[in-house]
Amino acid sequence: MINYQLSLDELHTLVEEISDRFQNGVIILRGDLAAGKTTFVKALVKHLGVKDDVTSPTFSLQQCYGDRIFHYDIYNHGIEHFISLGMLEELDRDGLHFVEWGDDKLVEILDSAGMKTLTITIEKLDDNSRNYEVDYAHA
């Protein structure tokens, strides 16, 4: 695991590193409410040149940006509901998949299916800075 303490203005450095190392697979985002999970997705989507408006899929479950970027939020209903809707199959599509609120069970399921995963845990340090713990163990 690698830790990065960054201001929001410095987030682009982490986004660039991750986009260089991880172009296809599932990025699991963890952190408290308002930690910056959707902000991270916005920054990476912008870095990739996609012009779509990035919003949290809390109530829609899934948002798609361009042809290869997918954004999910399982906060409201949890992993069991996500699985029951057949959304695991979506994660097998070619592209980058961001899953907000993914847990260890999801990592285990994806790992057993041979899917590449990257886990980022975000901790809000103050209004303008965050700690990003990046785990490349399953990438």
N, C-alpha and C. Protein backbone atom coordinates (compact mmCIF):
# COMPACT_ATOMS: atom_id res chain seq x y z
N MET A 1 0.84 -1.18 0.00
CA MET A 1 0.00 0.00 0.00
C MET A 1 0.88 1.24 0.00
N ILE A 2 0.38 2.25 -0.69
CA ILE A 2 1.09 3.51 -0.77
C ILE A 2 0.14 4.60 -0.28
N ASN A 3 0.65 5.50 0.56
CA ASN A 3 -0.14 6.61 1.07
C ASN A 3 0.29 7.92 0.42
N TYR A 4 -0.69 8.73 0.09
CA TYR A 4 -0.46 10.05 -0.49
C TYR A 4 -1.26 11.05 0.32
N GLN A 5 -0.62 12.08 0.84
CA GLN A 5 -1.33 13.18 1.47
C GLN A 5 -1.29 14.34 0.49
N LEU A 6 -2.46 14.68 -0.05
CA LEU A 6 -2.53 15.66 -1.13
C LEU A 6 -3.63 16.68 -0.89
N SER A 7 -3.36 17.90 -1.33
CA SER A 7 -4.43 18.89 -1.37
C SER A 7 -5.28 18.57 -2.60
N LEU A 8 -6.46 19.15 -2.67
CA LEU A 8 -7.31 18.91 -3.83
C LEU A 8 -6.64 19.42 -5.11
N ASP A 9 -5.83 20.48 -4.99
CA ASP A 9 -5.09 20.99 -6.16
C ASP A 9 -3.99 20.03 -6.61
N GLU A 10 -3.54 19.16 -5.73
CA GLU A 10 -2.48 18.19 -6.05
C GLU A 10 -3.03 16.84 -6.49
N LEU A 11 -4.33 16.66 -6.43
CA LEU A 11 -4.95 15.37 -6.75
C LEU A 11 -4.56 14.88 -8.14
N HIS A 12 -4.33 15.80 -9.06
CA HIS A 12 -3.97 15.41 -10.43
C HIS A 12 -2.72 14.54 -10.47
N THR A 13 -1.80 14.69 -9.52
CA THR A 13 -0.58 13.87 -9.54
C THR A 13 -0.91 12.40 -9.30
N LEU A 14 -1.82 12.13 -8.37
CA LEU A 14 -2.24 10.75 -8.10
C LEU A 14 -3.06 10.21 -9.28
N VAL A 15 -3.93 11.03 -9.81
CA VAL A 15 -4.76 10.63 -10.95
C VAL A 15 -3.88 10.23 -12.14
N GLU A 16 -2.85 11.01 -12.41
CA GLU A 16 -1.94 10.70 -13.52
C GLU A 16 -1.23 9.37 -13.28
N GLU A 17 -0.75 9.16 -12.06
CA GLU A 17 -0.05 7.91 -11.75
C GLU A 17 -0.97 6.70 -11.92
N ILE A 18 -2.18 6.81 -11.39
CA ILE A 18 -3.11 5.68 -11.47
C ILE A 18 -3.52 5.43 -12.92
N SER A 19 -3.77 6.48 -13.69
CA SER A 19 -4.17 6.27 -15.09
C SER A 19 -3.04 5.67 -15.91
N ASP A 20 -1.79 5.92 -15.53
CA ASP A 20 -0.65 5.30 -16.21
C ASP A 20 -0.52 3.82 -15.86
N ARG A 21 -0.85 3.46 -14.62
CA ARG A 21 -0.65 2.09 -14.14
C ARG A 21 -1.87 1.20 -14.27
N PHE A 22 -3.05 1.78 -14.42
CA PHE A 22 -4.29 1.00 -14.32
C PHE A 22 -5.30 1.53 -15.33
N GLN A 23 -5.37 0.92 -16.51
CA GLN A 23 -6.28 1.40 -17.55
C GLN A 23 -7.55 0.57 -17.70
N ASN A 24 -7.58 -0.60 -17.08
CA ASN A 24 -8.71 -1.50 -17.27
C ASN A 24 -8.91 -2.30 -15.99
N GLY A 25 -10.12 -2.33 -15.47
CA GLY A 25 -10.40 -3.08 -14.26
C GLY A 25 -11.30 -2.29 -13.33
N VAL A 26 -11.30 -2.69 -12.07
CA VAL A 26 -12.22 -2.12 -11.08
C VAL A 26 -11.43 -1.34 -10.03
N ILE A 27 -11.79 -0.09 -9.84
CA ILE A 27 -11.22 0.74 -8.79
C ILE A 27 -12.27 0.86 -7.70
N ILE A 28 -11.96 0.30 -6.54
CA ILE A 28 -12.87 0.35 -5.40
C ILE A 28 -12.51 1.56 -4.55
N LEU A 29 -13.51 2.40 -4.29
CA LEU A 29 -13.29 3.62 -3.52
C LEU A 29 -13.97 3.51 -2.17
N ARG A 30 -13.18 3.74 -1.12
CA ARG A 30 -13.70 3.67 0.24
C ARG A 30 -13.44 4.99 0.95
N GLY A 31 -14.25 5.27 1.94
CA GLY A 31 -14.08 6.48 2.73
C GLY A 31 -15.42 6.91 3.29
N ASP A 32 -15.35 7.76 4.30
CA ASP A 32 -16.57 8.27 4.92
C ASP A 32 -17.37 9.10 3.92
N LEU A 33 -18.61 9.43 4.30
CA LEU A 33 -19.41 10.35 3.50
C LEU A 33 -18.63 11.64 3.32
N ALA A 34 -18.64 12.17 2.12
CA ALA A 34 -17.97 13.43 1.77
C ALA A 34 -16.45 13.37 1.89
N ALA A 35 -15.88 12.17 1.85
CA ALA A 35 -14.42 12.04 1.91
C ALA A 35 -13.78 12.47 0.59
N GLY A 36 -14.49 12.31 -0.51
CA GLY A 36 -13.94 12.71 -1.81
C GLY A 36 -13.91 11.60 -2.84
N LYS A 37 -14.75 10.60 -2.68
CA LYS A 37 -14.77 9.48 -3.63
C LYS A 37 -15.21 9.96 -5.02
N THR A 38 -16.31 10.68 -5.09
CA THR A 38 -16.78 11.18 -6.38
C THR A 38 -15.83 12.24 -6.93
N THR A 39 -15.23 13.04 -6.07
CA THR A 39 -14.23 14.02 -6.51
C THR A 39 -13.07 13.33 -7.20
N PHE A 40 -12.64 12.19 -6.66
CA PHE A 40 -11.56 11.43 -7.29
C PHE A 40 -11.99 10.95 -8.68
N VAL A 41 -13.21 10.42 -8.78
CA VAL A 41 -13.70 9.94 -10.09
C VAL A 41 -13.75 11.11 -11.08
N LYS A 42 -14.26 12.26 -10.64
CA LYS A 42 -14.31 13.44 -11.51
C LYS A 42 -12.93 13.78 -12.05
N ALA A 43 -11.94 13.78 -11.17
CA ALA A 43 -10.58 14.14 -11.57
C ALA A 43 -10.01 13.14 -12.58
N LEU A 44 -10.24 11.86 -12.36
CA LEU A 44 -9.69 10.86 -13.28
C LEU A 44 -10.41 10.89 -14.63
N VAL A 45 -11.72 11.05 -14.60
CA VAL A 45 -12.49 11.13 -15.85
C VAL A 45 -12.05 12.35 -16.66
N LYS A 46 -11.86 13.47 -15.98
CA LYS A 46 -11.39 14.69 -16.66
C LYS A 46 -10.00 14.45 -17.24
N HIS A 47 -9.12 13.82 -16.48
CA HIS A 47 -7.76 13.53 -16.95
C HIS A 47 -7.78 12.68 -18.22
N LEU A 48 -8.75 11.78 -18.31
CA LEU A 48 -8.86 10.91 -19.48
C LEU A 48 -9.50 11.61 -20.68
N GLY A 49 -9.87 12.87 -20.50
CA GLY A 49 -10.39 13.66 -21.62
C GLY A 49 -11.87 13.52 -21.88
N VAL A 50 -12.58 12.88 -20.97
CA VAL A 50 -14.03 12.72 -21.13
C VAL A 50 -14.71 13.98 -20.62
N LYS A 51 -15.59 14.54 -21.41
CA LYS A 51 -16.24 15.82 -21.08
C LYS A 51 -17.54 15.67 -20.30
N ASP A 52 -17.99 14.45 -20.08
CA ASP A 52 -19.27 14.22 -19.39
C ASP A 52 -19.25 14.81 -17.98
N ASP A 53 -20.43 15.20 -17.52
CA ASP A 53 -20.59 15.70 -16.16
C ASP A 53 -20.62 14.51 -15.21
N VAL A 54 -19.67 14.43 -14.30
CA VAL A 54 -19.58 13.30 -13.37
C VAL A 54 -20.37 13.63 -12.11
N THR A 55 -21.32 12.76 -11.79
CA THR A 55 -22.11 12.91 -10.58
C THR A 55 -22.14 11.58 -9.83
N SER A 56 -22.41 11.65 -8.56
CA SER A 56 -22.48 10.43 -7.76
C SER A 56 -23.69 9.60 -8.18
N PRO A 57 -23.48 8.30 -8.41
CA PRO A 57 -24.60 7.44 -8.78
C PRO A 57 -25.34 6.85 -7.57
N THR A 58 -25.38 7.59 -6.47
CA THR A 58 -25.99 7.08 -5.24
C THR A 58 -27.40 6.57 -5.47
N PHE A 59 -28.21 7.29 -6.22
CA PHE A 59 -29.60 6.89 -6.40
C PHE A 59 -29.85 6.15 -7.71
N SER A 60 -28.96 6.30 -8.68
CA SER A 60 -29.13 5.61 -9.95
C SER A 60 -28.36 4.30 -10.01
N LEU A 61 -27.47 4.05 -9.07
CA LEU A 61 -26.61 2.87 -8.97
C LEU A 61 -25.47 2.88 -9.97
N GLN A 62 -25.72 3.33 -11.22
CA GLN A 62 -24.66 3.32 -12.24
C GLN A 62 -24.73 4.57 -13.11
N GLN A 63 -23.56 5.13 -13.40
CA GLN A 63 -23.40 6.20 -14.38
C GLN A 63 -22.35 5.73 -15.38
N CYS A 64 -22.51 6.12 -16.63
CA CYS A 64 -21.52 5.79 -17.67
C CYS A 64 -20.99 7.09 -18.25
N TYR A 65 -19.68 7.14 -18.46
CA TYR A 65 -19.02 8.31 -19.03
C TYR A 65 -18.22 7.84 -20.24
N GLY A 66 -18.55 8.37 -21.40
CA GLY A 66 -17.89 7.89 -22.60
C GLY A 66 -18.25 6.43 -22.84
N ASP A 67 -17.36 5.72 -23.53
CA ASP A 67 -17.62 4.32 -23.88
C ASP A 67 -17.01 3.32 -22.91
N ARG A 68 -16.05 3.77 -22.08
CA ARG A 68 -15.28 2.80 -21.29
C ARG A 68 -15.16 3.15 -19.81
N ILE A 69 -15.95 4.08 -19.31
CA ILE A 69 -15.84 4.45 -17.91
C ILE A 69 -17.21 4.28 -17.26
N PHE A 70 -17.23 3.50 -16.18
CA PHE A 70 -18.47 3.15 -15.49
C PHE A 70 -18.31 3.47 -14.01
N HIS A 71 -19.35 4.01 -13.40
CA HIS A 71 -19.28 4.50 -12.02
C HIS A 71 -20.49 3.96 -11.26
N TYR A 72 -20.23 3.26 -10.17
CA TYR A 72 -21.29 2.62 -9.38
C TYR A 72 -21.21 3.10 -7.93
N ASP A 73 -22.33 3.07 -7.25
CA ASP A 73 -22.37 3.41 -5.83
C ASP A 73 -23.28 2.39 -5.15
N ILE A 74 -22.72 1.64 -4.21
CA ILE A 74 -23.52 0.59 -3.56
C ILE A 74 -23.84 0.95 -2.11
N TYR A 75 -23.74 2.23 -1.77
CA TYR A 75 -24.00 2.69 -0.40
C TYR A 75 -25.42 2.38 0.06
N ASN A 76 -26.41 2.71 -0.74
CA ASN A 76 -27.81 2.58 -0.30
C ASN A 76 -28.28 1.15 -0.12
N HIS A 77 -27.82 0.23 -0.97
CA HIS A 77 -28.38 -1.12 -0.94
C HIS A 77 -27.37 -2.22 -0.65
N GLY A 78 -26.09 -1.91 -0.70
CA GLY A 78 -25.08 -2.91 -0.37
C GLY A 78 -24.75 -3.86 -1.50
N ILE A 79 -23.77 -4.69 -1.23
CA ILE A 79 -23.23 -5.60 -2.23
C ILE A 79 -24.25 -6.67 -2.65
N GLU A 80 -25.06 -7.14 -1.72
CA GLU A 80 -26.04 -8.20 -2.05
C GLU A 80 -27.03 -7.71 -3.11
N HIS A 81 -27.52 -6.50 -2.96
CA HIS A 81 -28.44 -5.93 -3.95
C HIS A 81 -27.74 -5.75 -5.29
N PHE A 82 -26.51 -5.28 -5.25
CA PHE A 82 -25.69 -5.10 -6.46
C PHE A 82 -25.58 -6.42 -7.21
N ILE A 83 -25.29 -7.49 -6.48
CA ILE A 83 -25.16 -8.82 -7.08
C ILE A 83 -26.51 -9.31 -7.62
N SER A 84 -27.58 -9.10 -6.83
CA SER A 84 -28.90 -9.60 -7.25
C SER A 84 -29.39 -8.94 -8.53
N LEU A 85 -28.92 -7.74 -8.82
CA LEU A 85 -29.30 -7.05 -10.05
C LEU A 85 -28.45 -7.47 -11.26
N GLY A 86 -27.50 -8.36 -11.02
CA GLY A 86 -26.63 -8.82 -12.10
C GLY A 86 -25.53 -7.83 -12.46
N MET A 87 -25.22 -6.93 -11.54
CA MET A 87 -24.24 -5.89 -11.84
C MET A 87 -22.80 -6.41 -11.87
N LEU A 88 -22.55 -7.58 -11.28
CA LEU A 88 -21.18 -8.12 -11.34
C LEU A 88 -20.75 -8.35 -12.78
N GLU A 89 -21.69 -8.74 -13.62
CA GLU A 89 -21.38 -8.97 -15.03
C GLU A 89 -20.95 -7.67 -15.71
N GLU A 90 -21.52 -6.55 -15.27
CA GLU A 90 -21.12 -5.24 -15.81
C GLU A 90 -19.64 -4.98 -15.56
N LEU A 91 -19.13 -5.43 -14.42
CA LEU A 91 -17.74 -5.17 -14.06
C LEU A 91 -16.76 -5.93 -14.94
N ASP A 92 -17.26 -6.90 -15.69
CA ASP A 92 -16.41 -7.67 -16.59
C ASP A 92 -16.26 -7.00 -17.96
N ARG A 93 -17.01 -5.93 -18.19
CA ARG A 93 -16.91 -5.20 -19.46
C ARG A 93 -15.56 -4.50 -19.54
N ASP A 94 -15.05 -4.37 -20.76
CA ASP A 94 -13.79 -3.68 -20.99
C ASP A 94 -13.93 -2.22 -20.56
N GLY A 95 -12.99 -1.74 -19.76
CA GLY A 95 -13.00 -0.35 -19.34
C GLY A 95 -12.63 -0.18 -17.89
N LEU A 96 -12.80 1.03 -17.41
CA LEU A 96 -12.54 1.37 -16.01
C LEU A 96 -13.86 1.42 -15.27
N HIS A 97 -13.92 0.74 -14.15
CA HIS A 97 -15.12 0.69 -13.32
C HIS A 97 -14.77 1.24 -11.94
N PHE A 98 -15.48 2.26 -11.51
CA PHE A 98 -15.31 2.82 -10.17
C PHE A 98 -16.48 2.36 -9.32
N VAL A 99 -16.18 1.75 -8.18
CA VAL A 99 -17.24 1.29 -7.27
C VAL A 99 -17.06 1.99 -5.94
N GLU A 100 -17.97 2.93 -5.64
CA GLU A 100 -17.94 3.59 -4.34
C GLU A 100 -18.58 2.67 -3.31
N TRP A 101 -17.95 2.59 -2.15
CA TRP A 101 -18.41 1.80 -1.02
C TRP A 101 -18.21 0.30 -1.20
N GLY A 102 -17.31 -0.10 -2.08
CA GLY A 102 -17.00 -1.53 -2.22
C GLY A 102 -16.31 -2.04 -0.96
N ASP A 103 -16.63 -3.26 -0.55
CA ASP A 103 -16.06 -3.81 0.68
C ASP A 103 -15.14 -4.99 0.38
N ASP A 104 -14.62 -5.62 1.44
CA ASP A 104 -13.71 -6.76 1.27
C ASP A 104 -14.38 -7.92 0.55
N LYS A 105 -15.69 -8.11 0.78
CA LYS A 105 -16.40 -9.19 0.10
C LYS A 105 -16.37 -8.99 -1.41
N LEU A 106 -16.57 -7.76 -1.85
CA LEU A 106 -16.51 -7.47 -3.28
C LEU A 106 -15.11 -7.74 -3.83
N VAL A 107 -14.09 -7.34 -3.10
CA VAL A 107 -12.71 -7.60 -3.54
C VAL A 107 -12.47 -9.09 -3.69
N GLU A 108 -12.95 -9.88 -2.72
CA GLU A 108 -12.79 -11.34 -2.78
C GLU A 108 -13.50 -11.93 -3.99
N ILE A 109 -14.72 -11.47 -4.25
CA ILE A 109 -15.49 -11.97 -5.39
C ILE A 109 -14.77 -11.65 -6.70
N LEU A 110 -14.32 -10.42 -6.83
CA LEU A 110 -13.65 -10.01 -8.06
C LEU A 110 -12.31 -10.71 -8.23
N ASP A 111 -11.60 -10.89 -7.12
CA ASP A 111 -10.32 -11.59 -7.16
C ASP A 111 -10.52 -13.05 -7.59
N SER A 112 -11.55 -13.69 -7.04
CA SER A 112 -11.81 -15.10 -7.40
C SER A 112 -12.23 -15.23 -8.86
N ALA A 113 -12.79 -14.16 -9.43
CA ALA A 113 -13.18 -14.17 -10.85
C ALA A 113 -12.02 -13.74 -11.75
N GLY A 114 -10.88 -13.45 -11.15
CA GLY A 114 -9.70 -13.06 -11.94
C GLY A 114 -9.73 -11.64 -12.44
N MET A 115 -10.55 -10.79 -11.83
CA MET A 115 -10.64 -9.40 -12.26
C MET A 115 -9.59 -8.56 -11.54
N LYS A 116 -9.01 -7.62 -12.27
CA LYS A 116 -8.04 -6.70 -11.68
C LYS A 116 -8.78 -5.67 -10.83
N THR A 117 -8.29 -5.48 -9.60
CA THR A 117 -8.88 -4.46 -8.74
C THR A 117 -7.79 -3.60 -8.11
N LEU A 118 -8.14 -2.39 -7.87
CA LEU A 118 -7.31 -1.42 -7.18
C LEU A 118 -8.20 -0.81 -6.12
N THR A 119 -7.73 -0.73 -4.89
CA THR A 119 -8.54 -0.17 -3.81
C THR A 119 -7.93 1.14 -3.34
N ILE A 120 -8.76 2.17 -3.25
CA ILE A 120 -8.31 3.46 -2.75
C ILE A 120 -9.20 3.83 -1.57
N THR A 121 -8.57 4.02 -0.41
CA THR A 121 -9.28 4.46 0.79
C THR A 121 -8.94 5.93 1.00
N ILE A 122 -9.98 6.75 1.08
CA ILE A 122 -9.80 8.20 1.17
C ILE A 122 -10.20 8.67 2.57
N GLU A 123 -9.31 9.42 3.19
CA GLU A 123 -9.59 10.00 4.50
C GLU A 123 -9.47 11.52 4.40
N LYS A 124 -10.52 12.20 4.82
CA LYS A 124 -10.52 13.67 4.80
C LYS A 124 -9.67 14.17 5.96
N LEU A 125 -8.63 14.94 5.65
CA LEU A 125 -7.77 15.50 6.69
C LEU A 125 -8.26 16.88 7.11
N ASP A 126 -8.67 17.68 6.14
CA ASP A 126 -9.31 18.97 6.38
C ASP A 126 -10.08 19.32 5.11
N ASP A 127 -10.62 20.52 5.04
CA ASP A 127 -11.47 20.87 3.89
C ASP A 127 -10.76 20.78 2.55
N ASN A 128 -9.43 20.91 2.55
CA ASN A 128 -8.71 20.95 1.28
C ASN A 128 -7.69 19.83 1.11
N SER A 129 -7.59 18.89 2.03
CA SER A 129 -6.59 17.83 1.86
C SER A 129 -7.14 16.48 2.29
N ARG A 130 -6.58 15.46 1.65
CA ARG A 130 -7.01 14.09 1.89
C ARG A 130 -5.80 13.18 1.97
N ASN A 131 -5.97 12.06 2.66
CA ASN A 131 -5.01 10.97 2.61
C ASN A 131 -5.61 9.90 1.70
N TYR A 132 -4.84 9.48 0.71
CA TYR A 132 -5.27 8.44 -0.23
C TYR A 132 -4.39 7.22 0.01
N GLU A 133 -4.99 6.14 0.47
CA GLU A 133 -4.26 4.89 0.66
C GLU A 133 -4.58 4.01 -0.55
N VAL A 134 -3.56 3.75 -1.36
CA VAL A 134 -3.75 3.02 -2.61
C VAL A 134 -3.17 1.62 -2.47
N ASP A 135 -4.02 0.63 -2.71
CA ASP A 135 -3.62 -0.78 -2.60
C ASP A 135 -3.65 -1.41 -3.99
N TYR A 136 -2.45 -1.67 -4.51
CA TYR A 136 -2.31 -2.28 -5.84
C TYR A 136 -2.25 -3.81 -5.75
N ALA A 137 -2.54 -4.39 -4.60
CA ALA A 137 -2.33 -5.83 -4.36
C ALA A 137 -3.03 -6.72 -5.39
N HIS A 138 -4.18 -6.31 -5.89
CA HIS A 138 -4.94 -7.16 -6.82
C HIS A 138 -4.94 -6.59 -8.24
N ALA A 139 -4.04 -5.65 -8.48
CA ALA A 139 -3.96 -5.02 -9.81
C ALA A 139 -3.08 -5.87 -10.65
